[in-house]
Structures are given as C-alpha cells and as structure tokens.
Amino acid sequence: MLRIDGIAEVLQTQPAKGAARQVDALMQQLVVEAGVPPSRRESARMLLMIFILGSVSLEQALDGLPHQLTESPESRFAQGLDMLIAGLAAT
C-alpha cells in the first residue's frame, strides 16, 4: 500500500469502490481468523482499518521529509500492530 501515493485517502473517501471493498473484506476475514468474538468483530475491524490507513498515511507523509524517527516503517507498523492486538486482548 505504501507504494501507491494517496491510497489511504482513496480508500477512506471512496469506500464503495472495488479496492476499498477488497480491503474491508480482508479486514473482516482477519478478525474472524484471529478469533475475535462475533459481538466485537465490527469494532475490531474498524480499529484495524484505522490503524492500517493511519500508518500508511503517516509513512507517505514522512517519505522524503527530514524526521527524528529511527525505526524502519516496517518496525513501526509491527510495534503498533502488537500494541493494538494487546489492547484488544486485554478488553
């Protein structure tokens, strides 16, 4: 997703289009496979979607700009995802 400039904005502003539907279906599949109880799947899917689109937007905004971040984009994403999963597991 990082290779496609503006993809997060497109997915957010045109949610009824093909790519957005595919991403949404993938998020739904991920929360089911992760064992999230049915009553919490919608919230977990939305939280995951917000995290992923926010991460993509952040990395695209940082691309080429000077910044103080020392972790790689992959590491930042993995750490954030670990925190998100821990938060879901704790509730």
Protein backbone atom coordinates (compact mmCIF):
# COMPACT_ATOMS: atom_id res chain seq x y z
CA MET A 1 0.00 0.00 0.00
CA LEU A 2 2.89 2.36 0.69
CA ARG A 3 3.92 2.26 -2.97
CA ILE A 4 0.62 3.80 -4.12
CA ASP A 5 0.59 7.51 -3.36
CA GLY A 6 -2.63 8.62 -1.71
CA ILE A 7 -4.09 5.12 -1.40
CA ALA A 8 -5.21 5.65 2.20
CA GLU A 9 -7.14 8.78 1.20
CA VAL A 10 -8.75 6.98 -1.74
CA LEU A 11 -9.84 4.08 0.47
CA GLN A 12 -11.26 6.50 3.04
CA THR A 13 -13.08 8.80 0.63
CA GLN A 14 -14.37 6.18 -1.81
CA PRO A 15 -15.36 3.26 0.45
CA ALA A 16 -17.89 1.82 -2.00
CA LYS A 17 -15.30 1.24 -4.75
CA GLY A 18 -13.61 -2.07 -5.61
CA ALA A 19 -10.27 -1.66 -3.80
CA ALA A 20 -11.93 -0.42 -0.62
CA ARG A 21 -14.33 -3.37 -0.65
CA GLN A 22 -11.42 -5.77 -1.04
CA VAL A 23 -9.55 -4.21 1.88
CA ASP A 24 -12.71 -4.28 4.01
CA ALA A 25 -13.30 -7.95 3.18
CA LEU A 26 -9.71 -8.73 4.13
CA MET A 27 -10.14 -6.92 7.48
CA GLN A 28 -13.30 -8.90 8.17
CA GLN A 29 -11.52 -12.14 7.36
CA LEU A 30 -8.58 -11.23 9.60
CA VAL A 31 -10.71 -10.55 12.67
CA VAL A 32 -12.64 -13.80 12.16
CA GLU A 33 -9.43 -15.80 11.75
CA ALA A 34 -7.97 -14.07 14.81
CA GLY A 35 -10.82 -15.49 16.88
CA VAL A 36 -12.46 -12.18 17.75
CA PRO A 37 -15.91 -12.92 19.21
CA PRO A 38 -18.78 -12.03 16.84
CA SER A 39 -20.04 -9.27 19.14
CA ARG A 40 -16.67 -7.45 18.89
CA ARG A 41 -15.75 -8.05 15.25
CA GLU A 42 -17.13 -4.79 13.88
CA SER A 43 -15.19 -2.71 16.41
CA ALA A 44 -12.02 -4.75 15.90
CA ARG A 45 -12.32 -4.42 12.12
CA MET A 46 -12.76 -0.66 12.33
CA LEU A 47 -9.85 -0.30 14.73
CA LEU A 48 -7.63 -2.39 12.46
CA MET A 49 -8.68 -0.38 9.40
CA ILE A 50 -8.00 2.94 11.15
CA PHE A 51 -4.58 1.70 12.27
CA ILE A 52 -3.58 0.46 8.81
CA LEU A 53 -4.81 3.51 6.91
CA GLY A 54 -3.29 5.83 9.51
CA SER A 55 0.04 4.01 9.30
CA VAL A 56 0.05 4.25 5.51
CA SER A 57 -0.84 7.96 5.62
CA LEU A 58 1.91 8.65 8.16
CA GLU A 59 4.59 6.81 6.20
CA GLN A 60 3.61 8.50 2.95
CA ALA A 61 3.66 11.91 4.65
CA LEU A 62 7.13 11.22 6.07
CA ASP A 63 8.57 9.97 2.78
CA GLY A 64 11.37 12.29 1.74
CA LEU A 65 10.98 14.62 4.70
CA PRO A 66 13.56 15.02 7.46
CA HIS A 67 12.41 13.45 10.73
CA GLN A 68 13.76 12.11 14.01
CA LEU A 69 12.31 8.60 13.73
CA THR A 70 14.91 5.86 13.92
CA GLU A 71 12.75 2.75 13.46
CA SER A 72 12.00 1.48 9.96
CA PRO A 73 8.43 1.79 8.65
CA GLU A 74 8.08 -1.99 8.96
CA SER A 75 9.22 -1.91 12.57
CA ARG A 76 6.89 0.99 13.45
CA PHE A 77 3.99 -0.88 11.86
CA ALA A 78 4.80 -4.15 13.65
CA GLN A 79 5.15 -2.42 17.02
CA GLY A 80 1.87 -0.57 16.53
CA LEU A 81 0.09 -3.74 15.48
CA ASP A 82 1.47 -5.58 18.54
CA MET A 83 0.08 -2.79 20.75
CA LEU A 84 -3.27 -2.88 19.01
CA ILE A 85 -3.53 -6.66 19.43
CA ALA A 86 -2.50 -6.44 23.09
CA GLY A 87 -5.17 -3.80 23.67
CA LEU A 88 -7.85 -5.92 22.03
CA ALA A 89 -6.78 -8.97 24.01
CA ALA A 90 -6.91 -7.00 27.26
CA THR A 91 -10.52 -5.88 26.81
